[in-house]
Amino acid sequence: MKFSAAFVAISALVAGVAADYATVSADINTISSDVSKLNSALQSTSGTSYSDAIAIDKLARQLVSDENKATSDVKATGTFTAAHGKAILNTLSSTYTNVAATSKRLIALEPKFKSIGVASVAHYDISLIANATKTLGATLVSKAPSSLKSSASALSSKYNAALASALAAYKNDN
């Protein structure tokens, strides 16, 4: 009887960890989708449309919200298994391409955003994204298995550097 009670307790614990990873994985996929949508909106705008600027602001705020949710969910998990860590790292490595393109496009759009009076909003949004990304990255690195910490940290640094470049382009627009 004691064995079966212990087995049930261990099974429940393992199921809880797996469910937490499933939640984090879904969060990471949502963030990847958010970044893709934001990049598409930035690539397709001329930078001179208020309606485009409002749509971009909405996408940026959604990304921040989803990053903050992911950070909370990651904090609620234990250390990832190597397989789970690799899966997250692979998704975020692929997502980085859109992050880099988004940052470059934001830099290119700064003069146009400034001309229509929305550069300060862009500055604020980039700042929110940069802070949420930095926090999420640090949290993910803290949960990475030791075999992946170096790779996770390097990828987090790449994200932070790309966003810092975009933020620097708007330094006089706050």
N, C-alpha and C. Protein backbone atom coordinates (compact mmCIF):
# COMPACT_ATOMS: atom_id res chain seq x y z
N MET A 1 0.82 -1.19 0.00
CA MET A 1 0.00 0.00 0.00
C MET A 1 0.87 1.26 0.00
N LYS A 2 1.94 1.25 0.82
CA LYS A 2 2.82 2.41 0.87
C LYS A 2 3.48 2.63 -0.49
N PHE A 3 3.87 1.52 -1.12
CA PHE A 3 4.51 1.62 -2.43
C PHE A 3 3.58 2.29 -3.44
N SER A 4 2.32 1.87 -3.49
CA SER A 4 1.40 2.44 -4.47
C SER A 4 1.12 3.91 -4.17
N ALA A 5 1.06 4.29 -2.90
CA ALA A 5 0.85 5.70 -2.55
C ALA A 5 2.06 6.53 -2.99
N ALA A 6 3.26 5.99 -2.76
CA ALA A 6 4.47 6.69 -3.17
C ALA A 6 4.54 6.79 -4.69
N PHE A 7 4.17 5.71 -5.38
CA PHE A 7 4.18 5.71 -6.84
C PHE A 7 3.22 6.76 -7.39
N VAL A 8 2.03 6.84 -6.80
CA VAL A 8 1.04 7.84 -7.24
C VAL A 8 1.58 9.24 -7.01
N ALA A 9 2.22 9.47 -5.86
CA ALA A 9 2.76 10.80 -5.56
C ALA A 9 3.87 11.17 -6.54
N ILE A 10 4.76 10.22 -6.82
CA ILE A 10 5.85 10.48 -7.78
C ILE A 10 5.28 10.70 -9.17
N SER A 11 4.31 9.91 -9.56
CA SER A 11 3.69 10.07 -10.88
C SER A 11 3.04 11.44 -11.02
N ALA A 12 2.39 11.90 -9.96
CA ALA A 12 1.75 13.22 -9.99
C ALA A 12 2.80 14.31 -10.12
N LEU A 13 3.93 14.14 -9.42
CA LEU A 13 5.01 15.12 -9.49
C LEU A 13 5.59 15.17 -10.90
N VAL A 14 5.86 14.03 -11.48
CA VAL A 14 6.40 13.97 -12.84
C VAL A 14 5.40 14.57 -13.83
N ALA A 15 4.14 14.27 -13.70
CA ALA A 15 3.11 14.82 -14.59
C ALA A 15 3.05 16.33 -14.46
N GLY A 16 3.22 16.85 -13.23
CA GLY A 16 3.21 18.29 -13.02
C GLY A 16 4.36 18.98 -13.73
N VAL A 17 5.56 18.38 -13.67
CA VAL A 17 6.72 18.95 -14.35
C VAL A 17 6.50 18.92 -15.86
N ALA A 18 5.98 17.82 -16.38
CA ALA A 18 5.73 17.73 -17.81
C ALA A 18 4.71 18.77 -18.25
N ALA A 19 3.68 18.96 -17.43
CA ALA A 19 2.67 19.97 -17.77
C ALA A 19 3.28 21.36 -17.76
N ASP A 20 4.19 21.62 -16.81
CA ASP A 20 4.85 22.92 -16.77
C ASP A 20 5.69 23.14 -18.03
N TYR A 21 6.41 22.11 -18.46
CA TYR A 21 7.18 22.25 -19.69
C TYR A 21 6.25 22.50 -20.87
N ALA A 22 5.12 21.79 -20.92
CA ALA A 22 4.17 21.99 -22.02
C ALA A 22 3.68 23.43 -22.05
N THR A 23 3.45 24.00 -20.88
CA THR A 23 3.02 25.40 -20.80
C THR A 23 4.12 26.33 -21.30
N VAL A 24 5.35 26.09 -20.85
CA VAL A 24 6.48 26.92 -21.28
C VAL A 24 6.70 26.78 -22.78
N SER A 25 6.62 25.57 -23.28
CA SER A 25 6.78 25.34 -24.72
C SER A 25 5.73 26.11 -25.51
N ALA A 26 4.49 26.07 -25.05
CA ALA A 26 3.43 26.83 -25.71
C ALA A 26 3.71 28.33 -25.63
N ASP A 27 4.20 28.78 -24.48
CA ASP A 27 4.56 30.20 -24.33
C ASP A 27 5.65 30.60 -25.33
N ILE A 28 6.67 29.77 -25.46
CA ILE A 28 7.78 30.07 -26.37
C ILE A 28 7.28 30.10 -27.81
N ASN A 29 6.40 29.18 -28.16
CA ASN A 29 5.83 29.19 -29.52
C ASN A 29 4.98 30.43 -29.75
N THR A 30 4.25 30.87 -28.74
CA THR A 30 3.46 32.10 -28.85
C THR A 30 4.38 33.30 -29.06
N ILE A 31 5.46 33.37 -28.32
CA ILE A 31 6.42 34.47 -28.47
C ILE A 31 7.02 34.45 -29.87
N SER A 32 7.37 33.28 -30.34
CA SER A 32 7.92 33.17 -31.70
C SER A 32 6.93 33.70 -32.73
N SER A 33 5.67 33.36 -32.56
CA SER A 33 4.61 33.86 -33.45
C SER A 33 4.46 35.38 -33.32
N ASP A 34 4.50 35.88 -32.08
CA ASP A 34 4.39 37.32 -31.85
C ASP A 34 5.51 38.08 -32.56
N VAL A 35 6.73 37.57 -32.43
CA VAL A 35 7.88 38.22 -33.06
C VAL A 35 7.73 38.20 -34.58
N SER A 36 7.26 37.10 -35.11
CA SER A 36 7.05 37.00 -36.55
C SER A 36 6.02 38.02 -37.03
N LYS A 37 4.92 38.15 -36.29
CA LYS A 37 3.88 39.12 -36.65
C LYS A 37 4.40 40.55 -36.56
N LEU A 38 5.16 40.84 -35.51
CA LEU A 38 5.72 42.18 -35.35
C LEU A 38 6.70 42.48 -36.48
N ASN A 39 7.55 41.53 -36.80
CA ASN A 39 8.50 41.71 -37.89
C ASN A 39 7.77 41.94 -39.22
N SER A 40 6.74 41.15 -39.49
CA SER A 40 5.97 41.32 -40.73
C SER A 40 5.35 42.70 -40.81
N ALA A 41 4.78 43.16 -39.70
CA ALA A 41 4.16 44.50 -39.68
C ALA A 41 5.20 45.58 -39.92
N LEU A 42 6.37 45.43 -39.32
CA LEU A 42 7.42 46.43 -39.51
C LEU A 42 7.98 46.41 -40.93
N GLN A 43 8.12 45.22 -41.49
CA GLN A 43 8.66 45.11 -42.84
C GLN A 43 7.69 45.67 -43.88
N SER A 44 6.40 45.61 -43.58
CA SER A 44 5.41 46.04 -44.58
C SER A 44 5.00 47.50 -44.44
N THR A 45 5.43 48.18 -43.39
CA THR A 45 5.03 49.57 -43.23
C THR A 45 6.05 50.52 -43.86
N SER A 46 5.53 51.65 -44.32
CA SER A 46 6.42 52.70 -44.82
C SER A 46 6.94 53.54 -43.67
N GLY A 47 6.28 53.44 -42.52
CA GLY A 47 6.68 54.23 -41.36
C GLY A 47 6.01 55.59 -41.30
N THR A 48 5.09 55.84 -42.23
CA THR A 48 4.43 57.15 -42.27
C THR A 48 2.93 57.05 -42.05
N SER A 49 2.47 55.92 -41.58
CA SER A 49 1.04 55.70 -41.37
C SER A 49 0.74 55.56 -39.88
N TYR A 50 -0.17 56.41 -39.40
CA TYR A 50 -0.58 56.31 -38.00
C TYR A 50 -1.26 54.97 -37.71
N SER A 51 -2.08 54.50 -38.63
CA SER A 51 -2.77 53.23 -38.39
C SER A 51 -1.76 52.08 -38.31
N ASP A 52 -0.72 52.12 -39.14
CA ASP A 52 0.33 51.11 -39.04
C ASP A 52 1.04 51.21 -37.69
N ALA A 53 1.32 52.44 -37.27
CA ALA A 53 2.01 52.65 -35.99
C ALA A 53 1.18 52.11 -34.83
N ILE A 54 -0.12 52.34 -34.87
CA ILE A 54 -1.00 51.84 -33.81
C ILE A 54 -1.00 50.31 -33.81
N ALA A 55 -1.07 49.71 -34.99
CA ALA A 55 -1.06 48.25 -35.09
C ALA A 55 0.27 47.68 -34.58
N ILE A 56 1.36 48.33 -34.91
CA ILE A 56 2.69 47.89 -34.46
C ILE A 56 2.79 48.00 -32.95
N ASP A 57 2.30 49.10 -32.40
CA ASP A 57 2.29 49.29 -30.95
C ASP A 57 1.51 48.16 -30.27
N LYS A 58 0.37 47.82 -30.82
CA LYS A 58 -0.46 46.74 -30.25
C LYS A 58 0.29 45.41 -30.29
N LEU A 59 0.96 45.12 -31.40
CA LEU A 59 1.73 43.88 -31.51
C LEU A 59 2.89 43.86 -30.51
N ALA A 60 3.55 45.01 -30.35
CA ALA A 60 4.66 45.10 -29.40
C ALA A 60 4.19 44.85 -27.98
N ARG A 61 3.07 45.45 -27.63
CA ARG A 61 2.54 45.28 -26.26
C ARG A 61 2.10 43.83 -26.02
N GLN A 62 1.57 43.18 -27.05
CA GLN A 62 1.18 41.76 -26.92
C GLN A 62 2.42 40.90 -26.69
N LEU A 63 3.49 41.20 -27.42
CA LEU A 63 4.74 40.47 -27.24
C LEU A 63 5.24 40.60 -25.80
N VAL A 64 5.22 41.81 -25.27
CA VAL A 64 5.67 42.04 -23.89
C VAL A 64 4.80 41.24 -22.92
N SER A 65 3.50 41.30 -23.11
CA SER A 65 2.59 40.55 -22.24
C SER A 65 2.89 39.05 -22.28
N ASP A 66 3.11 38.53 -23.47
CA ASP A 66 3.39 37.10 -23.62
C ASP A 66 4.76 36.73 -23.06
N GLU A 67 5.73 37.63 -23.19
CA GLU A 67 7.05 37.38 -22.58
C GLU A 67 6.94 37.36 -21.06
N ASN A 68 6.18 38.29 -20.51
CA ASN A 68 6.01 38.33 -19.05
C ASN A 68 5.31 37.07 -18.54
N LYS A 69 4.32 36.59 -19.28
CA LYS A 69 3.64 35.34 -18.91
C LYS A 69 4.62 34.18 -18.95
N ALA A 70 5.42 34.13 -20.01
CA ALA A 70 6.41 33.05 -20.13
C ALA A 70 7.40 33.09 -18.98
N THR A 71 7.84 34.28 -18.60
CA THR A 71 8.78 34.41 -17.49
C THR A 71 8.17 33.83 -16.21
N SER A 72 6.92 34.17 -15.95
CA SER A 72 6.24 33.63 -14.76
C SER A 72 6.13 32.11 -14.83
N ASP A 73 5.79 31.60 -16.01
CA ASP A 73 5.65 30.15 -16.17
C ASP A 73 6.99 29.44 -16.03
N VAL A 74 8.05 30.03 -16.58
CA VAL A 74 9.38 29.42 -16.47
C VAL A 74 9.81 29.38 -15.00
N LYS A 75 9.55 30.47 -14.29
CA LYS A 75 9.92 30.51 -12.86
C LYS A 75 9.21 29.41 -12.07
N ALA A 76 8.05 28.99 -12.53
CA ALA A 76 7.26 27.97 -11.82
C ALA A 76 7.70 26.54 -12.15
N THR A 77 8.68 26.39 -13.03
CA THR A 77 9.16 25.06 -13.40
C THR A 77 10.48 24.76 -12.72
N GLY A 78 10.85 23.51 -12.77
CA GLY A 78 12.17 23.11 -12.32
C GLY A 78 13.14 23.27 -13.48
N THR A 79 14.35 22.78 -13.29
CA THR A 79 15.33 22.79 -14.37
C THR A 79 14.81 21.93 -15.51
N PHE A 80 14.97 22.42 -16.73
CA PHE A 80 14.52 21.67 -17.90
C PHE A 80 15.39 20.44 -18.11
N THR A 81 14.81 19.41 -18.69
CA THR A 81 15.62 18.27 -19.11
C THR A 81 16.45 18.73 -20.31
N ALA A 82 17.45 17.95 -20.65
CA ALA A 82 18.28 18.30 -21.81
C ALA A 82 17.44 18.36 -23.08
N ALA A 83 16.52 17.41 -23.24
CA ALA A 83 15.67 17.39 -24.44
C ALA A 83 14.76 18.62 -24.49
N HIS A 84 14.17 18.96 -23.36
CA HIS A 84 13.30 20.15 -23.33
C HIS A 84 14.11 21.42 -23.54
N GLY A 85 15.27 21.48 -22.91
CA GLY A 85 16.13 22.65 -23.09
C GLY A 85 16.55 22.83 -24.54
N LYS A 86 16.90 21.73 -25.20
CA LYS A 86 17.28 21.80 -26.61
C LYS A 86 16.12 22.26 -27.48
N ALA A 87 14.93 21.77 -27.18
CA ALA A 87 13.75 22.17 -27.96
C ALA A 87 13.50 23.67 -27.82
N ILE A 88 13.59 24.18 -26.61
CA ILE A 88 13.40 25.63 -26.39
C ILE A 88 14.50 26.41 -27.09
N LEU A 89 15.73 25.96 -26.94
CA LEU A 89 16.86 26.63 -27.57
C LEU A 89 16.72 26.64 -29.09
N ASN A 90 16.27 25.54 -29.68
CA ASN A 90 16.08 25.49 -31.13
C ASN A 90 15.01 26.47 -31.59
N THR A 91 13.89 26.52 -30.87
CA THR A 91 12.82 27.46 -31.24
C THR A 91 13.32 28.89 -31.14
N LEU A 92 13.99 29.21 -30.04
CA LEU A 92 14.46 30.59 -29.85
C LEU A 92 15.61 30.94 -30.78
N SER A 93 16.40 29.96 -31.17
CA SER A 93 17.45 30.22 -32.17
C SER A 93 16.83 30.59 -33.51
N SER A 94 15.78 29.89 -33.89
CA SER A 94 15.07 30.21 -35.14
C SER A 94 14.38 31.57 -35.04
N THR A 95 13.83 31.87 -33.88
CA THR A 95 13.13 33.14 -33.68
C THR A 95 14.09 34.32 -33.76
N TYR A 96 15.35 34.09 -33.41
CA TYR A 96 16.32 35.18 -33.41
C TYR A 96 16.44 35.86 -34.78
N THR A 97 16.28 35.11 -35.84
CA THR A 97 16.34 35.70 -37.18
C THR A 97 15.33 36.83 -37.31
N ASN A 98 14.12 36.62 -36.82
CA ASN A 98 13.10 37.68 -36.86
C ASN A 98 13.41 38.81 -35.89
N VAL A 99 14.01 38.48 -34.75
CA VAL A 99 14.38 39.53 -33.79
C VAL A 99 15.43 40.45 -34.43
N ALA A 100 16.42 39.87 -35.07
CA ALA A 100 17.46 40.67 -35.71
C ALA A 100 16.87 41.53 -36.83
N ALA A 101 15.99 40.95 -37.64
CA ALA A 101 15.35 41.71 -38.73
C ALA A 101 14.46 42.81 -38.17
N THR A 102 13.75 42.52 -37.09
CA THR A 102 12.89 43.52 -36.45
C THR A 102 13.72 44.69 -35.95
N SER A 103 14.82 44.39 -35.29
CA SER A 103 15.69 45.45 -34.77
C SER A 103 16.25 46.32 -35.89
N LYS A 104 16.71 45.69 -36.95
CA LYS A 104 17.25 46.45 -38.09
C LYS A 104 16.17 47.33 -38.72
N ARG A 105 14.98 46.79 -38.84
CA ARG A 105 13.88 47.57 -39.44
C ARG A 105 13.48 48.73 -38.53
N LEU A 106 13.46 48.50 -37.24
CA LEU A 106 13.16 49.60 -36.31
C LEU A 106 14.18 50.72 -36.43
N ILE A 107 15.43 50.36 -36.59
CA ILE A 107 16.48 51.37 -36.76
C ILE A 107 16.23 52.16 -38.04
N ALA A 108 15.91 51.47 -39.12
CA ALA A 108 15.65 52.14 -40.40
C ALA A 108 14.42 53.03 -40.35
N LEU A 109 13.43 52.65 -39.55
CA LEU A 109 12.17 53.41 -39.49
C LEU A 109 12.22 54.61 -38.55
N GLU A 110 13.25 54.73 -37.74
CA GLU A 110 13.28 55.80 -36.73
C GLU A 110 13.03 57.19 -37.32
N PRO A 111 13.68 57.60 -38.40
CA PRO A 111 13.41 58.94 -38.93
C PRO A 111 11.96 59.13 -39.38
N LYS A 112 11.39 58.10 -39.96
CA LYS A 112 10.00 58.20 -40.41
C LYS A 112 9.04 58.22 -39.23
N PHE A 113 9.31 57.39 -38.23
CA PHE A 113 8.47 57.42 -37.03
C PHE A 113 8.58 58.78 -36.35
N LYS A 114 9.77 59.34 -36.36
CA LYS A 114 9.97 60.66 -35.76
C LYS A 114 9.16 61.71 -36.52
N SER A 115 9.14 61.61 -37.84
CA SER A 115 8.44 62.61 -38.66
C SER A 115 6.94 62.62 -38.44
N ILE A 116 6.37 61.49 -38.01
CA ILE A 116 4.92 61.47 -37.74
C ILE A 116 4.62 61.53 -36.24
N GLY A 117 5.66 61.72 -35.44
CA GLY A 117 5.46 61.92 -34.01
C GLY A 117 5.24 60.67 -33.18
N VAL A 118 5.67 59.52 -33.66
CA VAL A 118 5.46 58.29 -32.89
C VAL A 118 6.78 57.64 -32.44
N ALA A 119 7.90 58.33 -32.64
CA ALA A 119 9.18 57.75 -32.25
C ALA A 119 9.27 57.52 -30.74
N SER A 120 8.66 58.40 -29.95
CA SER A 120 8.71 58.21 -28.49
C SER A 120 7.92 56.96 -28.08
N VAL A 121 6.83 56.67 -28.78
CA VAL A 121 6.07 55.45 -28.51
C VAL A 121 6.91 54.23 -28.90
N ALA A 122 7.59 54.32 -30.04
CA ALA A 122 8.46 53.22 -30.46
C ALA A 122 9.57 53.01 -29.44
N HIS A 123 10.16 54.10 -28.96
CA HIS A 123 11.20 54.01 -27.93
C HIS A 123 10.68 53.28 -26.70
N TYR A 124 9.50 53.67 -26.27
CA TYR A 124 8.90 53.05 -25.09
C TYR A 124 8.64 51.56 -25.32
N ASP A 125 8.08 51.23 -26.47
CA ASP A 125 7.80 49.82 -26.79
C ASP A 125 9.09 49.00 -26.86
N ILE A 126 10.11 49.54 -27.51
CA ILE A 126 11.38 48.82 -27.61
C ILE A 126 11.97 48.61 -26.22
N SER A 127 11.86 49.62 -25.38
CA SER A 127 12.35 49.51 -24.01
C SER A 127 11.62 48.40 -23.24
N LEU A 128 10.30 48.36 -23.39
CA LEU A 128 9.52 47.31 -22.73
C LEU A 128 9.92 45.92 -23.24
N ILE A 129 10.06 45.81 -24.56
CA ILE A 129 10.44 44.52 -25.16
C ILE A 129 11.84 44.12 -24.69
N ALA A 130 12.77 45.07 -24.71
CA ALA A 130 14.14 44.77 -24.29
C ALA A 130 14.18 44.29 -22.84
N ASN A 131 13.46 44.96 -21.98
CA ASN A 131 13.44 44.56 -20.56
C ASN A 131 12.78 43.20 -20.37
N ALA A 132 11.65 42.98 -21.03
CA ALA A 132 10.97 41.68 -20.91
C ALA A 132 11.82 40.55 -21.48
N THR A 133 12.51 40.83 -22.58
CA THR A 133 13.36 39.83 -23.21
C THR A 133 14.56 39.50 -22.32
N LYS A 134 15.16 40.53 -21.74
CA LYS A 134 16.30 40.32 -20.85
C LYS A 134 15.90 39.47 -19.65
N THR A 135 14.75 39.78 -19.07
CA THR A 135 14.27 39.03 -17.91
C THR A 135 13.94 37.59 -18.28
N LEU A 136 13.24 37.41 -19.40
CA LEU A 136 12.91 36.05 -19.84
C LEU A 136 14.18 35.27 -20.15
N GLY A 137 15.11 35.89 -20.84
CA GLY A 137 16.36 35.21 -21.18
C GLY A 137 17.11 34.74 -19.94
N ALA A 138 17.24 35.63 -18.96
CA ALA A 138 17.94 35.27 -17.72
C ALA A 138 17.21 34.14 -16.99
N THR A 139 15.89 34.19 -17.01
CA THR A 139 15.10 33.15 -16.34
C THR A 139 15.26 31.81 -17.05
N LEU A 140 15.24 31.84 -18.38
CA LEU A 140 15.44 30.59 -19.14
C LEU A 140 16.83 30.02 -18.89
N VAL A 141 17.84 30.89 -18.88
CA VAL A 141 19.21 30.42 -18.62
C VAL A 141 19.29 29.76 -17.25
N SER A 142 18.60 30.35 -16.27
CA SER A 142 18.64 29.79 -14.91
C SER A 142 18.00 28.40 -14.84
N LYS A 143 17.10 28.09 -15.75
CA LYS A 143 16.41 26.79 -15.76
C LYS A 143 17.02 25.81 -16.75
N ALA A 144 18.01 26.25 -17.51
CA ALA A 144 18.65 25.38 -18.50
C ALA A 144 19.51 24.34 -17.78
N PRO A 145 19.56 23.13 -18.32
CA PRO A 145 20.47 22.14 -17.74
C PRO A 145 21.91 22.61 -17.95
N SER A 146 22.80 22.17 -17.10
CA SER A 146 24.18 22.66 -17.16
C SER A 146 24.81 22.47 -18.54
N SER A 147 24.43 21.43 -19.25
CA SER A 147 25.00 21.17 -20.57
C SER A 147 24.59 22.22 -21.61
N LEU A 148 23.54 22.99 -21.33
CA LEU A 148 23.04 23.98 -22.29
C LEU A 148 23.18 25.43 -21.81
N LYS A 149 23.64 25.63 -20.59
CA LYS A 149 23.70 26.98 -20.03
C LYS A 149 24.53 27.93 -20.89
N SER A 150 25.66 27.47 -21.38
CA SER A 150 26.53 28.31 -22.19
C SER A 150 25.83 28.73 -23.49
N SER A 151 25.21 27.80 -24.17
CA SER A 151 24.49 28.11 -25.41
C SER A 151 23.30 29.02 -25.15
N ALA A 152 22.57 28.75 -24.07
CA ALA A 152 21.41 29.57 -23.73
C ALA A 152 21.84 30.99 -23.38
N SER A 153 22.92 31.11 -22.65
CA SER A 153 23.42 32.43 -22.27
C SER A 153 23.89 33.21 -23.50
N ALA A 154 24.57 32.53 -24.41
CA ALA A 154 25.04 33.19 -25.64
C ALA A 154 23.87 33.68 -26.48
N LEU A 155 22.83 32.86 -26.59
CA LEU A 155 21.66 33.26 -27.37
C LEU A 155 20.94 34.43 -26.70
N SER A 156 20.82 34.39 -25.40
CA SER A 156 20.21 35.49 -24.67
C SER A 156 20.98 36.79 -24.91
N SER A 157 22.29 36.70 -24.92
CA SER A 157 23.13 37.88 -25.18
C SER A 157 22.91 38.43 -26.58
N LYS A 158 22.72 37.55 -27.55
CA LYS A 158 22.45 37.99 -28.93
C LYS A 158 21.12 38.75 -29.00
N TYR A 159 20.10 38.22 -28.34
CA TYR A 159 18.80 38.91 -28.28
C TYR A 159 18.97 40.29 -27.66
N ASN A 160 19.66 40.33 -26.52
CA ASN A 160 19.83 41.60 -25.81
C ASN A 160 20.60 42.61 -26.65
N ALA A 161 21.62 42.16 -27.36
CA ALA A 161 22.41 43.07 -28.20
C ALA A 161 21.58 43.62 -29.36
N ALA A 162 20.79 42.77 -29.99
CA ALA A 162 19.95 43.23 -31.11
C ALA A 162 18.97 44.29 -30.63
N LEU A 163 18.34 44.04 -29.50
CA LEU A 163 17.36 45.01 -28.99
C LEU A 163 18.04 46.27 -28.47
N ALA A 164 19.24 46.14 -27.93
CA ALA A 164 19.98 47.33 -27.48
C ALA A 164 20.32 48.23 -28.67
N SER A 165 20.62 47.64 -29.81
CA SER A 165 20.90 48.43 -31.02
C SER A 165 19.67 49.23 -31.44
N ALA A 166 18.52 48.59 -31.42
CA ALA A 166 17.28 49.29 -31.78
C ALA A 166 16.99 50.39 -30.77
N LEU A 167 17.17 50.09 -29.51
CA LEU A 167 16.91 51.08 -28.46
C LEU A 167 17.84 52.28 -28.60
N ALA A 168 19.09 52.02 -28.94
CA ALA A 168 20.07 53.10 -29.11
C ALA A 168 19.66 54.05 -30.24
N ALA A 169 19.05 53.52 -31.27
CA ALA A 169 18.62 54.36 -32.40
C ALA A 169 17.54 55.35 -31.97
N TYR A 170 16.83 55.05 -30.90
CA TYR A 170 15.72 55.90 -30.42
C TYR A 170 16.09 56.63 -29.13
N LYS A 171 17.38 56.69 -28.80
CA LYS A 171 17.79 57.25 -27.51
C LYS A 171 17.35 58.70 -27.31
N ASN A 172 17.19 59.46 -28.38
CA ASN A 172 16.77 60.86 -28.26
C ASN A 172 15.27 61.04 -28.45
N ASP A 173 14.54 59.95 -28.47
CA ASP A 173 13.10 60.00 -28.77
C ASP A 173 12.21 59.68 -27.58
N ASN A 174 12.72 59.81 -26.38
CA ASN A 174 11.86 59.45 -25.24
C ASN A 174 11.12 60.62 -24.67
